[in-house]
C-alpha atoms as a PDB file:
ATOM      1  CA  MET A   1       0.120  -0.094   0.041  1.00  0.00           C
ATOM      2  CA  HIS A   2       1.534   3.495  -1.004  1.00  0.00           C
ATOM      3  CA  ILE A   3       0.819   6.188   1.614  1.00  0.00           C
ATOM      4  CA  THR A   4       0.344   9.410   0.035  1.00  0.00           C
ATOM      5  CA  ALA A   5       1.594  12.733   1.767  1.00  0.00           C
ATOM      6  CA  ALA A   6      -2.041  13.466   2.217  1.00  0.00           C
ATOM      7  CA  VAL A   7      -2.704  10.234   4.053  1.00  0.00           C
ATOM      8  CA  ALA A   8       0.536  10.426   6.137  1.00  0.00           C
ATOM      9  CA  LEU A   9      -0.276  13.938   7.149  1.00  0.00           C
ATOM     10  CA  ALA A  10      -3.609  13.090   8.410  1.00  0.00           C
ATOM     11  CA  ILE A  11      -2.351   9.898  10.189  1.00  0.00           C
ATOM     12  CA  LEU A  12       0.140  12.043  11.941  1.00  0.00           C
ATOM     13  CA  ALA A  13      -2.561  14.713  12.977  1.00  0.00           C
ATOM     14  CA  SER A  14      -4.574  12.051  14.251  1.00  0.00           C
ATOM     15  CA  GLY A  15      -1.718  10.525  16.558  1.00  0.00           C
ATOM     16  CA  VAL A  16      -1.009  14.202  17.739  1.00  0.00           C
ATOM     17  CA  PHE A  17      -4.880  14.921  18.216  1.00  0.00           C
ATOM     18  CA  PHE A  18      -5.330  11.476  20.063  1.00  0.00           C
ATOM     19  CA  LEU A  19      -2.376  12.244  22.358  1.00  0.00           C
ATOM     20  CA  THR A  20      -3.664  15.637  23.101  1.00  0.00           C
ATOM     21  CA  GLY A  21      -6.991  14.158  23.900  1.00  0.00           C
ATOM     22  CA  LEU A  22      -5.348  11.703  26.277  1.00  0.00           C
ATOM     23  CA  LEU A  23      -3.121  14.493  28.006  1.00  0.00           C
ATOM     24  CA  THR A  24      -6.139  16.841  28.535  1.00  0.00           C
ATOM     25  CA  GLY A  25      -8.076  13.814  29.948  1.00  0.00           C
ATOM     26  CA  VAL A  26      -5.473  13.483  32.733  1.00  0.00           C
ATOM     27  CA  TRP A  27      -5.467  17.442  32.891  1.00  0.00           C
ATOM     28  CA  LYS A  28      -9.472  17.351  33.276  1.00  0.00           C
ATOM     29  CA  TYR A  29      -9.227  14.437  35.832  1.00  0.00           C
ATOM     30  CA  LEU A  30      -6.653  16.321  38.050  1.00  0.00           C
ATOM     31  CA  ALA A  31      -8.730  19.693  37.800  1.00  0.00           C
ATOM     32  CA  ILE A  32     -11.712  17.751  38.976  1.00  0.00           C
ATOM     33  CA  MET A  33     -10.021  16.073  41.930  1.00  0.00           C
ATOM     34  CA  ARG A  34      -8.808  19.567  42.980  1.00  0.00           C
ATOM     35  CA  SER A  35     -12.233  21.198  42.654  1.00  0.00           C
ATOM     36  CA  ASP A  36     -14.791  21.560  45.436  1.00  0.00           C
ATOM     37  CA  LYS A  37     -17.549  21.009  42.786  1.00  0.00           C
ATOM     38  CA  ALA A  38     -15.635  18.071  41.067  1.00  0.00           C
ATOM     39  CA  GLU A  39     -15.609  20.003  37.816  1.00  0.00           C
ATOM     40  CA  ALA A  40     -12.765  20.889  35.418  1.00  0.00           C
ATOM     41  CA  PRO A  41     -12.758  24.215  33.800  1.00  0.00           C
ATOM     42  CA  TYR A  42     -15.292  24.380  30.901  1.00  0.00           C
ATOM     43  CA  TYR A  43     -12.739  24.513  28.081  1.00  0.00           C
ATOM     44  CA  VAL A  44     -10.396  22.074  29.743  1.00  0.00           C
ATOM     45  CA  SER A  45     -13.392  19.354  29.066  1.00  0.00           C
ATOM     46  CA  ILE A  46     -13.955  21.135  25.628  1.00  0.00           C
ATOM     47  CA  ALA A  47     -10.362  20.673  24.599  1.00  0.00           C
ATOM     48  CA  HIS A  48     -10.485  16.852  25.977  1.00  0.00           C
ATOM     49  CA  ARG A  49     -13.495  16.026  23.773  1.00  0.00           C
ATOM     50  CA  THR A  50     -12.454  17.986  20.868  1.00  0.00           C
ATOM     51  CA  SER A  51      -9.011  16.400  20.641  1.00  0.00           C
ATOM     52  CA  LEU A  52     -10.460  12.925  20.794  1.00  0.00           C
ATOM     53  CA  MET A  53     -13.279  13.809  18.262  1.00  0.00           C
ATOM     54  CA  TYR A  54     -10.758  15.333  15.824  1.00  0.00           C
ATOM     55  CA  ALA A  55      -8.699  12.414  16.020  1.00  0.00           C
ATOM     56  CA  PHE A  56     -11.094  10.261  14.685  1.00  0.00           C
ATOM     57  CA  ALA A  57     -12.179  12.896  11.898  1.00  0.00           C
ATOM     58  CA  ALA A  58      -8.650  13.014  10.861  1.00  0.00           C
ATOM     59  CA  GLN A  59      -8.606   9.203  10.365  1.00  0.00           C
ATOM     60  CA  LEU A  60     -11.489   9.736   8.175  1.00  0.00           C
ATOM     61  CA  LEU A  61      -9.763  12.317   6.223  1.00  0.00           C
ATOM     62  CA  ALA A  62      -6.872   9.766   5.756  1.00  0.00           C
ATOM     63  CA  VAL A  63      -9.317   7.119   4.369  1.00  0.00           C
ATOM     64  CA  PHE A  64     -10.908   9.695   1.834  1.00  0.00           C
ATOM     65  CA  ALA A  65      -7.622  10.999   0.830  1.00  0.00           C
ATOM     66  CA  GLY A  66      -6.209   7.739   0.072  1.00  0.00           C
ATOM     67  CA  LEU A  67      -9.294   6.735  -2.066  1.00  0.00           C
ATOM     68  CA  SER A  68      -9.764   9.958  -3.890  1.00  0.00           C
ATOM     69  CA  VAL A  69      -8.754  10.129  -7.638  1.00  0.00           C
ATOM     70  CA  TRP A  70      -7.558  13.772  -7.484  1.00  0.00           C
ATOM     71  CA  ALA A  71      -4.118  14.468  -8.013  1.00  0.00           C
ATOM     72  CA  PRO A  72      -1.666  14.088  -4.958  1.00  0.00           C
ATOM     73  CA  VAL A  73      -1.381  17.802  -4.590  1.00  0.00           C
ATOM     74  CA  VAL A  74      -5.059  18.359  -4.469  1.00  0.00           C
ATOM     75  CA  ASN A  75      -5.762  15.693  -2.143  1.00  0.00           C
ATOM     76  CA  PHE A  76      -2.749  17.183   0.121  1.00  0.00           C
ATOM     77  CA  TRP A  77      -4.285  20.727   0.263  1.00  0.00           C
ATOM     78  CA  ALA A  78      -7.908  19.578   0.801  1.00  0.00           C
ATOM     79  CA  THR A  79      -6.591  17.331   3.644  1.00  0.00           C
ATOM     80  CA  LEU A  80      -4.349  20.030   5.122  1.00  0.00           C
ATOM     81  CA  PHE A  81      -6.828  22.855   5.259  1.00  0.00           C
ATOM     82  CA  PRO A  82      -9.340  21.043   7.615  1.00  0.00           C
ATOM     83  CA  LEU A  83      -6.341  19.784   9.819  1.00  0.00           C
ATOM     84  CA  VAL A  84      -5.065  23.108  10.370  1.00  0.00           C
ATOM     85  CA  PHE A  85      -8.471  24.268  11.564  1.00  0.00           C
ATOM     86  CA  PHE A  86      -8.876  21.444  13.721  1.00  0.00           C
ATOM     87  CA  ALA A  87      -5.479  22.010  15.399  1.00  0.00           C
ATOM     88  CA  ALA A  88      -6.503  25.718  15.905  1.00  0.00           C
ATOM     89  CA  ALA A  89      -9.613  24.953  17.303  1.00  0.00           C
ATOM     90  CA  ILE A  90      -8.119  22.534  19.881  1.00  0.00           C
ATOM     91  CA  PHE A  91      -5.281  25.010  20.523  1.00  0.00           C
ATOM     92  CA  THR A  92      -8.060  27.689  21.354  1.00  0.00           C
ATOM     93  CA  TYR A  93      -9.784  25.432  23.762  1.00  0.00           C
ATOM     94  CA  VAL A  94      -6.530  24.490  25.558  1.00  0.00           C
ATOM     95  CA  VAL A  95      -5.593  28.336  25.874  1.00  0.00           C
ATOM     96  CA  HIS A  96      -9.200  29.118  27.313  1.00  0.00           C
ATOM     97  CA  GLY A  97      -8.773  26.016  29.700  1.00  0.00           C
ATOM     98  CA  LEU A  98      -5.355  27.222  30.708  1.00  0.00           C
ATOM     99  CA  LEU A  99      -6.583  30.712  31.352  1.00  0.00           C
ATOM    100  CA  ASN A 100     -10.030  29.671  32.527  1.00  0.00           C
ATOM    101  CA  ASP A 101     -11.399  33.021  31.172  1.00  0.00           C
ATOM    102  CA  THR A 102     -14.699  32.084  29.675  1.00  0.00           C
ATOM    103  CA  ASP A 103     -17.350  29.130  29.261  1.00  0.00           C
ATOM    104  CA  ASN A 104     -18.429  30.422  25.930  1.00  0.00           C
ATOM    105  CA  GLN A 105     -15.827  31.824  23.591  1.00  0.00           C
ATOM    106  CA  MET A 106     -18.347  33.158  21.373  1.00  0.00           C
ATOM    107  CA  ALA A 107     -19.913  35.379  23.951  1.00  0.00           C
ATOM    108  CA  ARG A 108     -19.253  39.288  23.415  1.00  0.00           C
ATOM    109  CA  PRO A 109     -17.057  40.766  24.168  1.00  0.00           C
ATOM    110  CA  HIS A 110     -14.775  38.064  23.083  1.00  0.00           C
ATOM    111  CA  LYS A 111     -12.256  37.748  25.857  1.00  0.00           C
ATOM    112  CA  LEU A 112      -8.760  35.922  25.712  1.00  0.00           C
ATOM    113  CA  GLY A 113      -7.522  36.251  29.242  1.00  0.00           C
ATOM    114  CA  SER A 114      -7.837  39.931  29.966  1.00  0.00           C
ATOM    115  CA  ALA A 115      -7.768  41.179  26.398  1.00  0.00           C
ATOM    116  CA  THR A 116     -10.640  41.726  24.288  1.00  0.00           C
ATOM    117  CA  LEU A 117     -10.480  40.376  20.605  1.00  0.00           C
ATOM    118  CA  PRO A 118     -12.165  42.311  17.968  1.00  0.00           C
ATOM    119  CA  GLY A 119     -15.485  40.762  16.811  1.00  0.00           C
ATOM    120  CA  PHE A 120     -14.672  40.866  13.288  1.00  0.00           C
ATOM    121  CA  LEU A 121     -11.560  38.677  13.995  1.00  0.00           C
ATOM    122  CA  ILE A 122     -13.753  36.076  15.436  1.00  0.00           C
ATOM    123  CA  GLN A 123     -16.266  36.076  12.482  1.00  0.00           C
ATOM    124  CA  VAL A 124     -13.459  35.690   9.922  1.00  0.00           C
ATOM    125  CA  PHE A 125     -11.744  33.020  11.731  1.00  0.00           C
ATOM    126  CA  MET A 126     -15.177  31.292  11.886  1.00  0.00           C
ATOM    127  CA  TRP A 127     -16.005  31.666   8.321  1.00  0.00           C
ATOM    128  CA  ALA A 128     -12.463  30.510   7.036  1.00  0.00           C
ATOM    129  CA  LEU A 129     -12.861  27.656   9.519  1.00  0.00           C
ATOM    130  CA  ILE A 130     -16.377  26.505   7.830  1.00  0.00           C
ATOM    131  CA  ILE A 131     -14.944  27.004   4.571  1.00  0.00           C
ATOM    132  CA  ALA A 132     -11.744  25.110   5.135  1.00  0.00           C
ATOM    133  CA  GLU A 133     -13.485  22.106   6.809  1.00  0.00           C
ATOM    134  CA  ILE A 134     -16.390  21.598   4.740  1.00  0.00           C
ATOM    135  CA  GLY A 135     -14.659  22.426   1.570  1.00  0.00           C
ATOM    136  CA  GLY A 136     -11.716  20.247   2.143  1.00  0.00           C
ATOM    137  CA  PHE A 137     -13.978  17.345   2.891  1.00  0.00           C
ATOM    138  CA  VAL A 138     -16.055  18.025  -0.102  1.00  0.00           C
ATOM    139  CA  VAL A 139     -13.065  18.099  -2.689  1.00  0.00           C
ATOM    140  CA  LEU A 140     -11.955  14.646  -0.918  1.00  0.00           C
ATOM    141  CA  PHE A 141     -15.546  13.302  -0.911  1.00  0.00           C
ATOM    142  CA  ALA A 142     -15.992  14.282  -4.596  1.00  0.00           C
ATOM    143  CA  GLY A 143     -12.536  12.362  -5.384  1.00  0.00           C
ATOM    144  CA  VAL A 144     -13.893   9.189  -3.993  1.00  0.00           C
ATOM    145  CA  VAL A 145     -17.304   9.303  -5.461  1.00  0.00           C
ATOM    146  CA  LYS A 146     -15.726  10.103  -9.011  1.00  0.00           C
ATOM    147  CA  GLY A 147     -13.579   7.193  -8.801  1.00  0.00           C
ATOM    148  CA  MET A 148     -16.339   4.686  -7.681  1.00  0.00           C
ATOM    149  CA  PRO A 149     -17.217   2.306 -10.615  1.00  0.00           C
ATOM    150  CA  VAL A 150     -19.945   3.528 -13.027  1.00  0.00           C
ATOM    151  CA  ASP A 151     -22.068   0.492 -12.137  1.00  0.00           C
ATOM    152  CA  PHE A 152     -21.564   0.878  -8.440  1.00  0.00           C
ATOM    153  CA  PHE A 153     -25.030   1.820  -7.526  1.00  0.00           C
ATOM    154  CA  THR A 154     -26.680  -0.638  -9.964  1.00  0.00           C
ATOM    155  CA  GLN A 155     -25.142  -3.782  -8.825  1.00  0.00           C
ATOM    156  CA  ARG A 156     -27.360  -6.171  -7.179  1.00  0.00           C
END
């Protein structure tokens, strides 16, 4: 089996995300044990769950990148864009978990520690995330569908 750069990238990202999920799970457990309410900071829990979820999403991207009939460079970029935004989301959640500065990063004003972020910056980031994640996957999915045999849906 030939592993393309896109597949290798997605598998590597999956491993990093999964390890992050495991480590944030330890962080969450320790925070719960130290808390009078037996709760971890909100974004510690979010970072933990999201890291685990994105680890498996990265595996799905690896499969689709491996099956896509598009040129390797197209599959690479279509895989990279969602992975970058997965990583950025996890990083943001970890930062909010460390700072324990919010339980809703979308609430206005947008806080990062003691700083206030401009609302347009959050909107631009969120639209870029939406386009990159959905767009990257749609490209890979289309490459898989295009590669299916013509009679795939009519076989009995």
